[in-house]
Amino acid sequence: MAHTIRDKKKLLHRIRRIRGQVDAIQRALEKQKDCSSILQTIAACRGAMNGLMMELLEGHIELHVIDPNRKPTVKQHEAAEELIRVLRSYLK
């Protein structure tokens, strides 16, 4: 999993932000904040999780599905790019 090692610092930074958002949800519930505020925080957390998921998926596709050691064909490269675009759209 070379891409997770290469991007370790950036990925761990994302995880710390997500942890902070989850902690904010817990604090909001403990303080009995209004539901719209809690829902907004949950949505932000979900967006951060989707961003992390997309980053890992993109690296996986680029380094494991399309083997960079073998020159991918134009068709394979285009298919990988299309898959990444679809996943980005879905995880937005």
PDB file of N, CA and C in Angstrom:
ATOM      1  N   MET A   1       0.838  -1.184   0.000  1.00  0.00           N
ATOM      2  CA  MET A   1       0.000   0.000   0.000  1.00  0.00           C
ATOM      3  C   MET A   1       0.887   1.254   0.000  1.00  0.00           C
ATOM      4  N   ALA A   2       1.659   1.410  -1.034  1.00  0.00           N
ATOM      5  CA  ALA A   2       2.628   2.498  -1.114  1.00  0.00           C
ATOM      6  C   ALA A   2       1.979   3.875  -0.992  1.00  0.00           C
ATOM      7  N   HIS A   3       0.775   4.050  -1.510  1.00  0.00           N
ATOM      8  CA  HIS A   3       0.160   5.374  -1.470  1.00  0.00           C
ATOM      9  C   HIS A   3      -0.219   5.780  -0.051  1.00  0.00           C
ATOM     10  N   THR A   4      -0.563   4.832   0.814  1.00  0.00           N
ATOM     11  CA  THR A   4      -0.877   5.200   2.192  1.00  0.00           C
ATOM     12  C   THR A   4       0.394   5.544   2.968  1.00  0.00           C
ATOM     13  N   ILE A   5       1.487   4.908   2.619  1.00  0.00           N
ATOM     14  CA  ILE A   5       2.763   5.237   3.261  1.00  0.00           C
ATOM     15  C   ILE A   5       3.238   6.596   2.765  1.00  0.00           C
ATOM     16  N   ARG A   6       3.149   6.806   1.460  1.00  0.00           N
ATOM     17  CA  ARG A   6       3.599   8.069   0.853  1.00  0.00           C
ATOM     18  C   ARG A   6       2.790   9.253   1.395  1.00  0.00           C
ATOM     19  N   ASP A   7       1.489   9.055   1.582  1.00  0.00           N
ATOM     20  CA  ASP A   7       0.592  10.133   2.010  1.00  0.00           C
ATOM     21  C   ASP A   7       0.233  10.052   3.497  1.00  0.00           C
ATOM     22  N   LYS A   8       1.022   9.326   4.261  1.00  0.00           N
ATOM     23  CA  LYS A   8       0.705   9.062   5.664  1.00  0.00           C
ATOM     24  C   LYS A   8       0.421  10.344   6.450  1.00  0.00           C
ATOM     25  N   LYS A   9       1.282  11.346   6.334  1.00  0.00           N
ATOM     26  CA  LYS A   9       1.124  12.578   7.105  1.00  0.00           C
ATOM     27  C   LYS A   9      -0.202  13.276   6.775  1.00  0.00           C
ATOM     28  N   LYS A  10      -0.501  13.362   5.482  1.00  0.00           N
ATOM     29  CA  LYS A  10      -1.736  14.015   5.041  1.00  0.00           C
ATOM     30  C   LYS A  10      -2.970  13.228   5.497  1.00  0.00           C
ATOM     31  N   LEU A  11      -2.909  11.905   5.404  1.00  0.00           N
ATOM     32  CA  LEU A  11      -4.042  11.072   5.810  1.00  0.00           C
ATOM     33  C   LEU A  11      -4.279  11.159   7.324  1.00  0.00           C
ATOM     34  N   LEU A  12      -3.205  11.141   8.083  1.00  0.00           N
ATOM     35  CA  LEU A  12      -3.352  11.259   9.538  1.00  0.00           C
ATOM     36  C   LEU A  12      -3.910  12.627   9.931  1.00  0.00           C
ATOM     37  N   HIS A  13      -3.543  13.667   9.191  1.00  0.00           N
ATOM     38  CA  HIS A  13      -4.101  14.997   9.444  1.00  0.00           C
ATOM     39  C   HIS A  13      -5.618  14.979   9.212  1.00  0.00           C
ATOM     40  N   ARG A  14      -6.048  14.327   8.144  1.00  0.00           N
ATOM     41  CA  ARG A  14      -7.488  14.207   7.871  1.00  0.00           C
ATOM     42  C   ARG A  14      -8.199  13.474   9.007  1.00  0.00           C
ATOM     43  N   ILE A  15      -7.579  12.405   9.499  1.00  0.00           N
ATOM     44  CA  ILE A  15      -8.177  11.621  10.580  1.00  0.00           C
ATOM     45  C   ILE A  15      -8.315  12.477  11.840  1.00  0.00           C
ATOM     46  N   ARG A  16      -7.323  13.277  12.129  1.00  0.00           N
ATOM     47  CA  ARG A  16      -7.395  14.139  13.314  1.00  0.00           C
ATOM     48  C   ARG A  16      -8.538  15.152  13.198  1.00  0.00           C
ATOM     49  N   ARG A  17      -8.727  15.681  11.994  1.00  0.00           N
ATOM     50  CA  ARG A  17      -9.851  16.608  11.801  1.00  0.00           C
ATOM     51  C   ARG A  17     -11.180  15.885  11.973  1.00  0.00           C
ATOM     52  N   ILE A  18     -11.275  14.674  11.440  1.00  0.00           N
ATOM     53  CA  ILE A  18     -12.508  13.895  11.584  1.00  0.00           C
ATOM     54  C   ILE A  18     -12.759  13.588  13.058  1.00  0.00           C
ATOM     55  N   ARG A  19     -11.709  13.212  13.778  1.00  0.00           N
ATOM     56  CA  ARG A  19     -11.848  12.940  15.216  1.00  0.00           C
ATOM     57  C   ARG A  19     -12.380  14.183  15.933  1.00  0.00           C
ATOM     58  N   GLY A  20     -11.864  15.347  15.567  1.00  0.00           N
ATOM     59  CA  GLY A  20     -12.344  16.592  16.160  1.00  0.00           C
ATOM     60  C   GLY A  20     -13.815  16.827  15.865  1.00  0.00           C
ATOM     61  N   GLN A  21     -14.236  16.497  14.653  1.00  0.00           N
ATOM     62  CA  GLN A  21     -15.645  16.664  14.298  1.00  0.00           C
ATOM     63  C   GLN A  21     -16.537  15.692  15.071  1.00  0.00           C
ATOM     64  N   VAL A  22     -16.084  14.463  15.228  1.00  0.00           N
ATOM     65  CA  VAL A  22     -16.853  13.480  15.992  1.00  0.00           C
ATOM     66  C   VAL A  22     -16.940  13.927  17.451  1.00  0.00           C
ATOM     67  N   ASP A  23     -15.839  14.422  17.993  1.00  0.00           N
ATOM     68  CA  ASP A  23     -15.854  14.942  19.361  1.00  0.00           C
ATOM     69  C   ASP A  23     -16.829  16.108  19.483  1.00  0.00           C
ATOM     70  N   ALA A  24     -16.899  16.953  18.470  1.00  0.00           N
ATOM     71  CA  ALA A  24     -17.835  18.083  18.473  1.00  0.00           C
ATOM     72  C   ALA A  24     -19.279  17.591  18.486  1.00  0.00           C
ATOM     73  N   ILE A  25     -19.551  16.504  17.781  1.00  0.00           N
ATOM     74  CA  ILE A  25     -20.897  15.926  17.795  1.00  0.00           C
ATOM     75  C   ILE A  25     -21.235  15.456  19.213  1.00  0.00           C
ATOM     76  N   GLN A  26     -20.293  14.767  19.841  1.00  0.00           N
ATOM     77  CA  GLN A  26     -20.511  14.283  21.200  1.00  0.00           C
ATOM     78  C   GLN A  26     -20.765  15.445  22.168  1.00  0.00           C
ATOM     79  N   ARG A  27     -19.937  16.479  22.074  1.00  0.00           N
ATOM     80  CA  ARG A  27     -20.116  17.642  22.960  1.00  0.00           C
ATOM     81  C   ARG A  27     -21.471  18.303  22.731  1.00  0.00           C
ATOM     82  N   ALA A  28     -21.868  18.413  21.469  1.00  0.00           N
ATOM     83  CA  ALA A  28     -23.154  19.035  21.149  1.00  0.00           C
ATOM     84  C   ALA A  28     -24.309  18.230  21.743  1.00  0.00           C
ATOM     85  N   LEU A  29     -24.205  16.921  21.673  1.00  0.00           N
ATOM     86  CA  LEU A  29     -25.248  16.079  22.264  1.00  0.00           C
ATOM     87  C   LEU A  29     -25.260  16.203  23.783  1.00  0.00           C
ATOM     88  N   GLU A  30     -24.084  16.210  24.374  1.00  0.00           N
ATOM     89  CA  GLU A  30     -23.992  16.335  25.833  1.00  0.00           C
ATOM     90  C   GLU A  30     -24.543  17.675  26.315  1.00  0.00           C
ATOM     91  N   LYS A  31     -24.330  18.724  25.521  1.00  0.00           N
ATOM     92  CA  LYS A  31     -24.805  20.058  25.899  1.00  0.00           C
ATOM     93  C   LYS A  31     -26.229  20.316  25.416  1.00  0.00           C
ATOM     94  N   GLN A  32     -26.832  19.305  24.839  1.00  0.00           N
ATOM     95  CA  GLN A  32     -28.211  19.375  24.347  1.00  0.00           C
ATOM     96  C   GLN A  32     -28.412  20.538  23.377  1.00  0.00           C
ATOM     97  N   LYS A  33     -27.475  20.661  22.444  1.00  0.00           N
ATOM     98  CA  LYS A  33     -27.587  21.689  21.396  1.00  0.00           C
ATOM     99  C   LYS A  33     -28.795  21.369  20.510  1.00  0.00           C
ATOM    100  N   ASP A  34     -29.212  22.368  19.740  1.00  0.00           N
ATOM    101  CA  ASP A  34     -30.362  22.144  18.870  1.00  0.00           C
ATOM    102  C   ASP A  34     -30.008  21.156  17.752  1.00  0.00           C
ATOM    103  N   CYS A  35     -31.011  20.429  17.291  1.00  0.00           N
ATOM    104  CA  CYS A  35     -30.774  19.340  16.339  1.00  0.00           C
ATOM    105  C   CYS A  35     -30.199  19.840  15.012  1.00  0.00           C
ATOM    106  N   SER A  36     -30.564  21.028  14.572  1.00  0.00           N
ATOM    107  CA  SER A  36     -30.039  21.506  13.287  1.00  0.00           C
ATOM    108  C   SER A  36     -28.520  21.711  13.367  1.00  0.00           C
ATOM    109  N   SER A  37     -28.043  22.182  14.484  1.00  0.00           N
ATOM    110  CA  SER A  37     -26.605  22.362  14.681  1.00  0.00           C
ATOM    111  C   SER A  37     -25.891  21.005  14.687  1.00  0.00           C
ATOM    112  N   ILE A  38     -26.480  20.035  15.359  1.00  0.00           N
ATOM    113  CA  ILE A  38     -25.889  18.694  15.418  1.00  0.00           C
ATOM    114  C   ILE A  38     -25.894  18.057  14.033  1.00  0.00           C
ATOM    115  N   LEU A  39     -26.992  18.201  13.313  1.00  0.00           N
ATOM    116  CA  LEU A  39     -27.071  17.640  11.964  1.00  0.00           C
ATOM    117  C   LEU A  39     -26.034  18.263  11.040  1.00  0.00           C
ATOM    118  N   GLN A  40     -25.812  19.543  11.193  1.00  0.00           N
ATOM    119  CA  GLN A  40     -24.809  20.231  10.371  1.00  0.00           C
ATOM    120  C   GLN A  40     -23.409  19.685  10.670  1.00  0.00           C
ATOM    121  N   THR A  41     -23.125  19.438  11.927  1.00  0.00           N
ATOM    122  CA  THR A  41     -21.822  18.891  12.308  1.00  0.00           C
ATOM    123  C   THR A  41     -21.669  17.464  11.795  1.00  0.00           C
ATOM    124  N   ILE A  42     -22.740  16.692  11.859  1.00  0.00           N
ATOM    125  CA  ILE A  42     -22.706  15.321  11.328  1.00  0.00           C
ATOM    126  C   ILE A  42     -22.453  15.348   9.822  1.00  0.00           C
ATOM    127  N   ALA A  43     -23.103  16.268   9.120  1.00  0.00           N
ATOM    128  CA  ALA A  43     -22.908  16.375   7.669  1.00  0.00           C
ATOM    129  C   ALA A  43     -21.464  16.741   7.345  1.00  0.00           C
ATOM    130  N   ALA A  44     -20.874  17.626   8.131  1.00  0.00           N
ATOM    131  CA  ALA A  44     -19.474  18.002   7.915  1.00  0.00           C
ATOM    132  C   ALA A  44     -18.566  16.803   8.152  1.00  0.00           C
ATOM    133  N   CYS A  45     -18.865  16.022   9.168  1.00  0.00           N
ATOM    134  CA  CYS A  45     -18.076  14.829   9.473  1.00  0.00           C
ATOM    135  C   CYS A  45     -18.202  13.802   8.350  1.00  0.00           C
ATOM    136  N   ARG A  46     -19.409  13.622   7.867  1.00  0.00           N
ATOM    137  CA  ARG A  46     -19.624  12.688   6.761  1.00  0.00           C
ATOM    138  C   ARG A  46     -18.861  13.148   5.521  1.00  0.00           C
ATOM    139  N   GLY A  47     -18.867  14.436   5.244  1.00  0.00           N
ATOM    140  CA  GLY A  47     -18.122  14.967   4.108  1.00  0.00           C
ATOM    141  C   GLY A  47     -16.630  14.717   4.251  1.00  0.00           C
ATOM    142  N   ALA A  48     -16.118  14.872   5.473  1.00  0.00           N
ATOM    143  CA  ALA A  48     -14.699  14.620   5.720  1.00  0.00           C
ATOM    144  C   ALA A  48     -14.372  13.141   5.538  1.00  0.00           C
ATOM    145  N   MET A  49     -15.252  12.270   5.980  1.00  0.00           N
ATOM    146  CA  MET A  49     -15.040  10.825   5.803  1.00  0.00           C
ATOM    147  C   MET A  49     -15.070  10.476   4.312  1.00  0.00           C
ATOM    148  N   ASN A  50     -16.005  11.062   3.581  1.00  0.00           N
ATOM    149  CA  ASN A  50     -16.065  10.813   2.141  1.00  0.00           C
ATOM    150  C   ASN A  50     -14.802  11.307   1.443  1.00  0.00           C
ATOM    151  N   GLY A  51     -14.273  12.443   1.884  1.00  0.00           N
ATOM    152  CA  GLY A  51     -13.035  12.954   1.308  1.00  0.00           C
ATOM    153  C   GLY A  51     -11.862  12.010   1.556  1.00  0.00           C
ATOM    154  N   LEU A  52     -11.792  11.469   2.751  1.00  0.00           N
ATOM    155  CA  LEU A  52     -10.755  10.499   3.080  1.00  0.00           C
ATOM    156  C   LEU A  52     -10.928   9.237   2.236  1.00  0.00           C
ATOM    157  N   MET A  53     -12.159   8.768   2.131  1.00  0.00           N
ATOM    158  CA  MET A  53     -12.451   7.580   1.320  1.00  0.00           C
ATOM    159  C   MET A  53     -12.029   7.810  -0.129  1.00  0.00           C
ATOM    160  N   MET A  54     -12.344   8.984  -0.679  1.00  0.00           N
ATOM    161  CA  MET A  54     -12.009   9.265  -2.067  1.00  0.00           C
ATOM    162  C   MET A  54     -10.504   9.312  -2.273  1.00  0.00           C
ATOM    163  N   GLU A  55      -9.801   9.911  -1.334  1.00  0.00           N
ATOM    164  CA  GLU A  55      -8.352   9.988  -1.462  1.00  0.00           C
ATOM    165  C   GLU A  55      -7.732   8.588  -1.489  1.00  0.00           C
ATOM    166  N   LEU A  56      -8.211   7.714  -0.614  1.00  0.00           N
ATOM    167  CA  LEU A  56      -7.687   6.344  -0.591  1.00  0.00           C
ATOM    168  C   LEU A  56      -8.093   5.567  -1.842  1.00  0.00           C
ATOM    169  N   LEU A  57      -9.333   5.731  -2.293  1.00  0.00           N
ATOM    170  CA  LEU A  57      -9.777   5.042  -3.504  1.00  0.00           C
ATOM    171  C   LEU A  57      -8.978   5.481  -4.728  1.00  0.00           C
ATOM    172  N   GLU A  58      -8.751   6.776  -4.837  1.00  0.00           N
ATOM    173  CA  GLU A  58      -8.002   7.284  -5.988  1.00  0.00           C
ATOM    174  C   GLU A  58      -6.582   6.712  -6.005  1.00  0.00           C
ATOM    175  N   GLY A  59      -5.928   6.706  -4.864  1.00  0.00           N
ATOM    176  CA  GLY A  59      -4.593   6.120  -4.788  1.00  0.00           C
ATOM    177  C   GLY A  59      -4.608   4.639  -5.103  1.00  0.00           C
ATOM    178  N   HIS A  60      -5.630   3.954  -4.623  1.00  0.00           N
ATOM    179  CA  HIS A  60      -5.739   2.517  -4.881  1.00  0.00           C
ATOM    180  C   HIS A  60      -5.912   2.248  -6.381  1.00  0.00           C
ATOM    181  N   ILE A  61      -6.763   3.011  -7.015  1.00  0.00           N
ATOM    182  CA  ILE A  61      -6.996   2.828  -8.454  1.00  0.00           C
ATOM    183  C   ILE A  61      -5.713   3.115  -9.232  1.00  0.00           C
ATOM    184  N   GLU A  62      -5.061   4.223  -8.892  1.00  0.00           N
ATOM    185  CA  GLU A  62      -3.877   4.629  -9.646  1.00  0.00           C
ATOM    186  C   GLU A  62      -2.671   3.715  -9.425  1.00  0.00           C
ATOM    187  N   LEU A  63      -2.580   3.081  -8.259  1.00  0.00           N
ATOM    188  CA  LEU A  63      -1.386   2.286  -7.963  1.00  0.00           C
ATOM    189  C   LEU A  63      -1.620   0.779  -7.913  1.00  0.00           C
ATOM    190  N   HIS A  64      -2.867   0.354  -7.772  1.00  0.00           N
ATOM    191  CA  HIS A  64      -3.117  -1.079  -7.650  1.00  0.00           C
ATOM    192  C   HIS A  64      -4.014  -1.628  -8.759  1.00  0.00           C
ATOM    193  N   VAL A  65      -5.008  -0.856  -9.165  1.00  0.00           N
ATOM    194  CA  VAL A  65      -5.875  -1.309 -10.254  1.00  0.00           C
ATOM    195  C   VAL A  65      -5.165  -1.108 -11.583  1.00  0.00           C
ATOM    196  N   ILE A  66      -4.627   0.087 -11.779  1.00  0.00           N
ATOM    197  CA  ILE A  66      -3.797   0.368 -12.952  1.00  0.00           C
ATOM    198  C   ILE A  66      -2.355   0.269 -12.474  1.00  0.00           C
ATOM    199  N   ASP A  67      -1.665  -0.735 -12.871  1.00  0.00           N
ATOM    200  CA  ASP A  67      -0.296  -0.976 -12.434  1.00  0.00           C
ATOM    201  C   ASP A  67       0.642   0.041 -13.085  1.00  0.00           C
ATOM    202  N   PRO A  68       1.224   0.955 -12.293  1.00  0.00           N
ATOM    203  CA  PRO A  68       2.095   1.971 -12.889  1.00  0.00           C
ATOM    204  C   PRO A  68       3.390   1.387 -13.462  1.00  0.00           C
ATOM    205  N   ASN A  69       3.737   0.168 -13.070  1.00  0.00           N
ATOM    206  CA  ASN A  69       4.951  -0.466 -13.597  1.00  0.00           C
ATOM    207  C   ASN A  69       4.745  -1.002 -15.008  1.00  0.00           C
ATOM    208  N   ARG A  70       3.487  -1.178 -15.386  1.00  0.00           N
ATOM    209  CA  ARG A  70       3.158  -1.586 -16.756  1.00  0.00           C
ATOM    210  C   ARG A  70       2.446  -0.404 -17.381  1.00  0.00           C
ATOM    211  N   LYS A  71       2.897   0.013 -18.498  1.00  0.00           N
ATOM    212  CA  LYS A  71       2.306   1.182 -19.161  1.00  0.00           C
ATOM    213  C   LYS A  71       0.842   0.871 -19.492  1.00  0.00           C
ATOM    214  N   PRO A  72      -0.110   1.562 -18.824  1.00  0.00           N
ATOM    215  CA  PRO A  72      -1.520   1.301 -19.146  1.00  0.00           C
ATOM    216  C   PRO A  72      -1.857   1.820 -20.539  1.00  0.00           C
ATOM    217  N   THR A  73      -2.778   1.140 -21.186  1.00  0.00           N
ATOM    218  CA  THR A  73      -3.228   1.602 -22.499  1.00  0.00           C
ATOM    219  C   THR A  73      -4.029   2.886 -22.309  1.00  0.00           C
ATOM    220  N   VAL A  74      -4.230   3.598 -23.385  1.00  0.00           N
ATOM    221  CA  VAL A  74      -5.033   4.813 -23.328  1.00  0.00           C
ATOM    222  C   VAL A  74      -6.432   4.475 -22.817  1.00  0.00           C
ATOM    223  N   LYS A  75      -6.963   3.368 -23.282  1.00  0.00           N
ATOM    224  CA  LYS A  75      -8.304   2.936 -22.868  1.00  0.00           C
ATOM    225  C   LYS A  75      -8.343   2.640 -21.361  1.00  0.00           C
ATOM    226  N   GLN A  76      -7.327   1.978 -20.838  1.00  0.00           N
ATOM    227  CA  GLN A  76      -7.267   1.682 -19.411  1.00  0.00           C
ATOM    228  C   GLN A  76      -7.147   2.974 -18.598  1.00  0.00           C
ATOM    229  N   HIS A  77      -6.312   3.878 -19.050  1.00  0.00           N
ATOM    230  CA  HIS A  77      -6.128   5.157 -18.370  1.00  0.00           C
ATOM    231  C   HIS A  77      -7.444   5.944 -18.348  1.00  0.00           C
ATOM    232  N   GLU A  78      -8.129   5.985 -19.482  1.00  0.00           N
ATOM    233  CA  GLU A  78      -9.408   6.699 -19.564  1.00  0.00           C
ATOM    234  C   GLU A  78     -10.453   6.059 -18.667  1.00  0.00           C
ATOM    235  N   ALA A  79     -10.472   4.720 -18.624  1.00  0.00           N
ATOM    236  CA  ALA A  79     -11.430   4.016 -17.768  1.00  0.00           C
ATOM    237  C   ALA A  79     -11.162   4.319 -16.298  1.00  0.00           C
ATOM    238  N   ALA A  80      -9.902   4.352 -15.911  1.00  0.00           N
ATOM    239  CA  ALA A  80      -9.543   4.667 -14.526  1.00  0.00           C
ATOM    240  C   ALA A  80      -9.956   6.097 -14.184  1.00  0.00           C
ATOM    241  N   GLU A  81      -9.695   7.028 -15.081  1.00  0.00           N
ATOM    242  CA  GLU A  81     -10.080   8.424 -14.857  1.00  0.00           C
ATOM    243  C   GLU A  81     -11.598   8.566 -14.750  1.00  0.00           C
ATOM    244  N   GLU A  82     -12.326   7.841 -15.593  1.00  0.00           N
ATOM    245  CA  GLU A  82     -13.782   7.891 -15.541  1.00  0.00           C
ATOM    246  C   GLU A  82     -14.291   7.341 -14.207  1.00  0.00           C
ATOM    247  N   LEU A  83     -13.710   6.243 -13.758  1.00  0.00           N
ATOM    248  CA  LEU A  83     -14.097   5.667 -12.474  1.00  0.00           C
ATOM    249  C   LEU A  83     -13.832   6.650 -11.345  1.00  0.00           C
ATOM    250  N   ILE A  84     -12.705   7.309 -11.369  1.00  0.00           N
ATOM    251  CA  ILE A  84     -12.375   8.300 -10.344  1.00  0.00           C
ATOM    252  C   ILE A  84     -13.382   9.451 -10.373  1.00  0.00           C
ATOM    253  N   ARG A  85     -13.737   9.929 -11.576  1.00  0.00           N
ATOM    254  CA  ARG A  85     -14.733  11.014 -11.694  1.00  0.00           C
ATOM    255  C   ARG A  85     -16.082  10.590 -11.123  1.00  0.00           C
ATOM    256  N   VAL A  86     -16.508   9.364 -11.434  1.00  0.00           N
ATOM    257  CA  VAL A  86     -17.790   8.863 -10.941  1.00  0.00           C
ATOM    258  C   VAL A  86     -17.763   8.761  -9.418  1.00  0.00           C
ATOM    259  N   LEU A  87     -16.683   8.217  -8.882  1.00  0.00           N
ATOM    260  CA  LEU A  87     -16.572   8.091  -7.423  1.00  0.00           C
ATOM    261  C   LEU A  87     -16.549   9.445  -6.742  1.00  0.00           C
ATOM    262  N   ARG A  88     -15.831  10.400  -7.321  1.00  0.00           N
ATOM    263  CA  ARG A  88     -15.822  11.757  -6.758  1.00  0.00           C
ATOM    264  C   ARG A  88     -17.224  12.328  -6.712  1.00  0.00           C
ATOM    265  N   SER A  89     -17.950  12.151  -7.799  1.00  0.00           N
ATOM    266  CA  SER A  89     -19.315  12.651  -7.879  1.00  0.00           C
ATOM    267  C   SER A  89     -20.198  11.976  -6.830  1.00  0.00           C
ATOM    268  N   TYR A  90     -20.044  10.680  -6.687  1.00  0.00           N
ATOM    269  CA  TYR A  90     -20.857   9.919  -5.738  1.00  0.00           C
ATOM    270  C   TYR A  90     -20.538  10.294  -4.301  1.00  0.00           C
ATOM    271  N   LEU A  91     -19.273  10.509  -3.996  1.00  0.00           N
ATOM    272  CA  LEU A  91     -18.863  10.787  -2.619  1.00  0.00           C
ATOM    273  C   LEU A  91     -18.897  12.260  -2.256  1.00  0.00           C
ATOM    274  N   LYS A  92     -19.353  13.098  -3.165  1.00  0.00           N
ATOM    275  CA  LYS A  92     -19.421  14.534  -2.908  1.00  0.00           C
ATOM    276  C   LYS A  92     -20.468  14.852  -1.874  1.00  0.00           C
TER     277      LYS A  92
END
